[in-house]
C-alpha atoms as a PDB file:
ATOM      1  CA  MET A   1     -35.317  35.769  -5.401  1.00  0.00           C
ATOM      2  CA  GLY A   2     -35.337  33.516  -2.322  1.00  0.00           C
ATOM      3  CA  ASN A   3     -32.929  32.742   0.113  1.00  0.00           C
ATOM      4  CA  ILE A   4     -31.205  29.360   0.989  1.00  0.00           C
ATOM      5  CA  LEU A   5     -30.960  28.002   5.057  1.00  0.00           C
ATOM      6  CA  VAL A   6     -27.606  26.174   4.796  1.00  0.00           C
ATOM      7  CA  SER A   7     -26.112  23.820   7.592  1.00  0.00           C
ATOM      8  CA  ALA A   8     -23.623  26.383   9.135  1.00  0.00           C
ATOM      9  CA  CYS A   9     -20.853  23.550   8.903  1.00  0.00           C
ATOM     10  CA  PHE A  10     -21.053  23.227   4.968  1.00  0.00           C
ATOM     11  CA  MET A  11     -20.067  26.840   5.133  1.00  0.00           C
ATOM     12  CA  GLY A  12     -16.712  25.951   7.153  1.00  0.00           C
ATOM     13  CA  GLU A  13     -18.212  26.615  10.508  1.00  0.00           C
ATOM     14  CA  LYS A  14     -17.127  24.538  13.409  1.00  0.00           C
ATOM     15  CA  VAL A  15     -20.060  23.383  14.808  1.00  0.00           C
ATOM     16  CA  ARG A  16     -20.365  19.632  14.482  1.00  0.00           C
ATOM     17  CA  PHE A  17     -20.462  17.095  17.056  1.00  0.00           C
ATOM     18  CA  ASP A  18     -16.792  16.627  16.777  1.00  0.00           C
ATOM     19  CA  GLY A  19     -15.850  20.129  16.634  1.00  0.00           C
ATOM     20  CA  LYS A  20     -15.195  20.260  13.142  1.00  0.00           C
ATOM     21  CA  HIS A  21     -16.916  21.454   9.848  1.00  0.00           C
ATOM     22  CA  SER A  22     -18.075  20.012   6.576  1.00  0.00           C
ATOM     23  CA  LEU A  23     -17.167  22.721   4.143  1.00  0.00           C
ATOM     24  CA  LEU A  24     -19.122  22.436   1.090  1.00  0.00           C
ATOM     25  CA  ASP A  25     -16.880  23.823  -1.825  1.00  0.00           C
ATOM     26  CA  HIS A  26     -19.189  24.318  -4.754  1.00  0.00           C
ATOM     27  CA  PRO A  27     -19.434  27.514  -6.942  1.00  0.00           C
ATOM     28  CA  ALA A  28     -23.605  27.857  -6.900  1.00  0.00           C
ATOM     29  CA  LEU A  29     -22.893  28.109  -2.555  1.00  0.00           C
ATOM     30  CA  LYS A  30     -19.911  30.526  -3.526  1.00  0.00           C
ATOM     31  CA  LYS A  31     -22.267  33.087  -5.812  1.00  0.00           C
ATOM     32  CA  TRP A  32     -25.360  32.353  -3.343  1.00  0.00           C
ATOM     33  CA  LYS A  33     -23.185  33.537  -0.519  1.00  0.00           C
ATOM     34  CA  GLU A  34     -21.728  36.624  -2.780  1.00  0.00           C
ATOM     35  CA  GLU A  35     -25.099  37.674  -3.291  1.00  0.00           C
ATOM     36  CA  GLY A  36     -26.206  37.480   0.247  1.00  0.00           C
ATOM     37  CA  ARG A  37     -28.374  34.927  -0.107  1.00  0.00           C
ATOM     38  CA  ILE A  38     -26.946  32.317   2.694  1.00  0.00           C
ATOM     39  CA  VAL A  39     -28.637  31.900   5.678  1.00  0.00           C
ATOM     40  CA  MET A  40     -26.480  29.818   7.978  1.00  0.00           C
ATOM     41  CA  ALA A  41     -27.794  27.724  10.814  1.00  0.00           C
ATOM     42  CA  CYS A  42     -27.019  24.413  13.160  1.00  0.00           C
ATOM     43  CA  PRO A  43     -30.118  23.207  14.393  1.00  0.00           C
ATOM     44  CA  GLU A  44     -28.374  21.891  17.432  1.00  0.00           C
ATOM     45  CA  VAL A  45     -26.293  24.677  18.436  1.00  0.00           C
ATOM     46  CA  LEU A  46     -29.628  27.133  18.323  1.00  0.00           C
ATOM     47  CA  GLY A  47     -31.153  24.260  20.413  1.00  0.00           C
ATOM     48  CA  GLY A  48     -28.365  24.923  22.932  1.00  0.00           C
ATOM     49  CA  LEU A  49     -25.846  22.429  22.765  1.00  0.00           C
ATOM     50  CA  PRO A  50     -22.282  22.834  23.018  1.00  0.00           C
ATOM     51  CA  THR A  51     -19.427  22.175  20.415  1.00  0.00           C
ATOM     52  CA  PRO A  52     -17.725  19.953  20.783  1.00  0.00           C
ATOM     53  CA  ARG A  53     -20.768  17.453  22.008  1.00  0.00           C
ATOM     54  CA  PRO A  54     -21.049  13.311  22.104  1.00  0.00           C
ATOM     55  CA  PRO A  55     -22.655  11.971  19.010  1.00  0.00           C
ATOM     56  CA  ALA A  56     -26.233  11.461  19.201  1.00  0.00           C
ATOM     57  CA  GLU A  57     -29.182   9.289  17.330  1.00  0.00           C
ATOM     58  CA  THR A  58     -32.694   9.016  17.270  1.00  0.00           C
ATOM     59  CA  GLN A  59     -33.524   6.512  19.728  1.00  0.00           C
ATOM     60  CA  SER A  60     -37.454   6.866  18.838  1.00  0.00           C
ATOM     61  CA  ARG A  61     -39.519   8.597  16.396  1.00  0.00           C
ATOM     62  CA  PHE A  62     -42.940   8.183  18.068  1.00  0.00           C
ATOM     63  CA  PRO A  63     -42.412   9.684  20.677  1.00  0.00           C
ATOM     64  CA  ILE A  64     -39.573  11.148  19.734  1.00  0.00           C
ATOM     65  CA  LEU A  65     -36.340  10.416  21.583  1.00  0.00           C
ATOM     66  CA  ILE A  66     -32.829  11.314  20.916  1.00  0.00           C
ATOM     67  CA  GLN A  67     -29.687  10.753  22.935  1.00  0.00           C
ATOM     68  CA  THR A  68     -26.096  10.525  23.008  1.00  0.00           C
ATOM     69  CA  SER A  69     -24.158   7.973  22.944  1.00  0.00           C
ATOM     70  CA  GLU A  70     -23.905   8.171  26.743  1.00  0.00           C
ATOM     71  CA  GLY A  71     -27.571   7.986  27.266  1.00  0.00           C
ATOM     72  CA  GLU A  72     -28.367  11.714  27.821  1.00  0.00           C
ATOM     73  CA  ASP A  73     -31.539  12.461  26.546  1.00  0.00           C
ATOM     74  CA  VAL A  74     -30.944  15.661  24.172  1.00  0.00           C
ATOM     75  CA  THR A  75     -34.346  15.802  22.829  1.00  0.00           C
ATOM     76  CA  PRO A  76     -35.188  18.968  23.951  1.00  0.00           C
ATOM     77  CA  GLN A  77     -32.509  20.836  22.436  1.00  0.00           C
ATOM     78  CA  TYR A  78     -33.351  19.158  18.753  1.00  0.00           C
ATOM     79  CA  LEU A  79     -36.757  20.037  19.288  1.00  0.00           C
ATOM     80  CA  ALA A  80     -35.867  23.661  19.768  1.00  0.00           C
ATOM     81  CA  GLY A  81     -33.356  23.567  17.366  1.00  0.00           C
ATOM     82  CA  ALA A  82     -35.986  22.580  14.939  1.00  0.00           C
ATOM     83  CA  GLU A  83     -38.455  25.274  15.590  1.00  0.00           C
ATOM     84  CA  ALA A  84     -35.372  28.059  15.659  1.00  0.00           C
ATOM     85  CA  ALA A  85     -34.224  26.754  12.393  1.00  0.00           C
ATOM     86  CA  LEU A  86     -37.847  27.353  11.011  1.00  0.00           C
ATOM     87  CA  GLU A  87     -38.055  30.486  12.357  1.00  0.00           C
ATOM     88  CA  LEU A  88     -34.946  31.632  11.018  1.00  0.00           C
ATOM     89  CA  ALA A  89     -35.878  30.204   7.735  1.00  0.00           C
ATOM     90  CA  ARG A  90     -39.257  32.239   8.014  1.00  0.00           C
ATOM     91  CA  LYS A  91     -37.721  35.461   8.893  1.00  0.00           C
ATOM     92  CA  HIS A  92     -35.458  35.339   5.881  1.00  0.00           C
ATOM     93  CA  ASN A  93     -37.663  33.978   3.357  1.00  0.00           C
ATOM     94  CA  CYS A  94     -35.816  30.837   2.835  1.00  0.00           C
ATOM     95  CA  CYS A  95     -37.398  29.265  -0.190  1.00  0.00           C
ATOM     96  CA  CYS A  96     -35.349  26.044   0.224  1.00  0.00           C
ATOM     97  CA  ALA A  97     -32.653  24.405   2.416  1.00  0.00           C
ATOM     98  CA  LEU A  98     -28.946  22.368   2.336  1.00  0.00           C
ATOM     99  CA  MET A  99     -28.889  20.334   5.103  1.00  0.00           C
ATOM    100  CA  LYS A 100     -26.295  18.244   6.205  1.00  0.00           C
ATOM    101  CA  SER A 101     -27.421  14.637   5.500  1.00  0.00           C
ATOM    102  CA  ARG A 102     -27.924  11.581   8.203  1.00  0.00           C
ATOM    103  CA  SER A 103     -27.530  14.432  10.563  1.00  0.00           C
ATOM    104  CA  PRO A 104     -30.199  13.425  13.463  1.00  0.00           C
ATOM    105  CA  SER A 105     -31.298  17.268  13.107  1.00  0.00           C
ATOM    106  CA  CYS A 106     -30.782  17.726   9.524  1.00  0.00           C
ATOM    107  CA  GLY A 107     -31.079  14.668   7.654  1.00  0.00           C
ATOM    108  CA  ASN A 108     -33.417  14.861   4.626  1.00  0.00           C
ATOM    109  CA  LYS A 109     -33.922  11.342   3.491  1.00  0.00           C
ATOM    110  CA  GLN A 110     -31.813   9.102   6.216  1.00  0.00           C
ATOM    111  CA  ILE A 111     -30.849   9.321   9.585  1.00  0.00           C
ATOM    112  CA  TYR A 112     -28.768   7.039  11.808  1.00  0.00           C
ATOM    113  CA  ASP A 113     -31.032   3.989  13.715  1.00  0.00           C
ATOM    114  CA  GLY A 114     -30.286   4.891  16.974  1.00  0.00           C
ATOM    115  CA  SER A 115     -27.802   2.142  17.313  1.00  0.00           C
ATOM    116  CA  PHE A 116     -24.339   3.921  17.048  1.00  0.00           C
ATOM    117  CA  SER A 117     -23.243   1.555  14.895  1.00  0.00           C
ATOM    118  CA  GLY A 118     -23.685   3.386  11.265  1.00  0.00           C
ATOM    119  CA  LYS A 119     -26.444   1.975  10.099  1.00  0.00           C
ATOM    120  CA  LEU A 120     -29.073   4.202   8.521  1.00  0.00           C
ATOM    121  CA  THR A 121     -33.069   4.345   8.587  1.00  0.00           C
ATOM    122  CA  ASP A 122     -34.776   6.083   5.769  1.00  0.00           C
ATOM    123  CA  ALA A 123     -36.633   8.831   7.871  1.00  0.00           C
ATOM    124  CA  PRO A 124     -35.479  12.963   8.204  1.00  0.00           C
ATOM    125  CA  GLY A 125     -34.157  14.441  11.471  1.00  0.00           C
ATOM    126  CA  VAL A 126     -36.209  16.559  13.237  1.00  0.00           C
ATOM    127  CA  ALA A 127     -35.025  20.029  11.869  1.00  0.00           C
ATOM    128  CA  ALA A 128     -35.455  18.835   8.397  1.00  0.00           C
ATOM    129  CA  ALA A 129     -39.089  17.301   8.849  1.00  0.00           C
ATOM    130  CA  GLU A 130     -39.952  20.780  10.603  1.00  0.00           C
ATOM    131  CA  LEU A 131     -38.930  22.511   7.494  1.00  0.00           C
ATOM    132  CA  ILE A 132     -40.531  20.449   5.047  1.00  0.00           C
ATOM    133  CA  ARG A 133     -43.563  19.916   7.135  1.00  0.00           C
ATOM    134  CA  ASN A 134     -43.856  23.971   6.929  1.00  0.00           C
ATOM    135  CA  GLY A 135     -43.183  24.126   3.103  1.00  0.00           C
ATOM    136  CA  ILE A 136     -39.699  24.162   2.780  1.00  0.00           C
ATOM    137  CA  PRO A 137     -37.789  21.753   0.619  1.00  0.00           C
ATOM    138  CA  VAL A 138     -34.573  20.257   2.222  1.00  0.00           C
ATOM    139  CA  PHE A 139     -31.660  18.957  -0.088  1.00  0.00           C
ATOM    140  CA  ASN A 140     -28.479  17.539   1.386  1.00  0.00           C
ATOM    141  CA  GLU A 141     -24.913  17.938  -0.202  1.00  0.00           C
ATOM    142  CA  ARG A 142     -25.568  14.736  -2.091  1.00  0.00           C
ATOM    143  CA  GLN A 143     -28.583  16.492  -3.738  1.00  0.00           C
ATOM    144  CA  ILE A 144     -26.672  19.648  -4.717  1.00  0.00           C
ATOM    145  CA  ASN A 145     -27.510  19.647  -8.885  1.00  0.00           C
ATOM    146  CA  GLU A 146     -31.224  19.091  -7.693  1.00  0.00           C
ATOM    147  CA  LEU A 147     -30.802  22.217  -5.460  1.00  0.00           C
ATOM    148  CA  ILE A 148     -29.541  23.983  -8.431  1.00  0.00           C
ATOM    149  CA  THR A 149     -32.392  22.872 -10.376  1.00  0.00           C
ATOM    150  CA  PHE A 150     -34.898  23.828  -8.287  1.00  0.00           C
ATOM    151  CA  MET A 151     -33.335  27.514  -7.894  1.00  0.00           C
ATOM    152  CA  GLU A 152     -33.472  27.525 -11.834  1.00  0.00           C
ATOM    153  CA  GLN A 153     -37.228  26.956 -11.532  1.00  0.00           C
ATOM    154  CA  GLN A 154     -37.368  29.306  -8.927  1.00  0.00           C
ATOM    155  CA  GLY A 155     -35.897  31.750 -11.358  1.00  0.00           C
ATOM    156  CA  ASP A 156     -32.812  31.983  -9.631  1.00  0.00           C
ATOM    157  CA  ALA A 157     -30.087  30.565 -11.493  1.00  0.00           C
ATOM    158  CA  ALA A 158     -26.804  29.312 -10.274  1.00  0.00           C
ATOM    159  CA  ALA A 159     -24.861  29.658 -13.152  1.00  0.00           C
END
């Protein structure tokens, strides 16, 4: 049975940039938590960023540059957080991850485009990209059914 790396904000931890959480109340998460299979992580906090913190967006991907809305370069913290999340996933034998969509760290499909205007671009966040590159599938909260199917295919039914 594999463990699941889960964005700490989904588990009610107040680690989001605005000091809030994004509690994801879902029976599958409750079951996996009861089974001790949830490994909570906030890559941004793991990378040394405080809570609350100014919002940050990816300004450029090659080379990577992540800046706050105030213009501060927080790329090193995001990269350190991505590495720490990968190490945590490996240490706890995580077969997959459930991470916050659109986050510059955790977004698996889209992230904000760097203009701080709410526009999205098709690209992963740095932590999600690091996990995916290392063979750990990343799902977001809009893909919970796909995650459940994935877990069932691994022999880890959530029902």
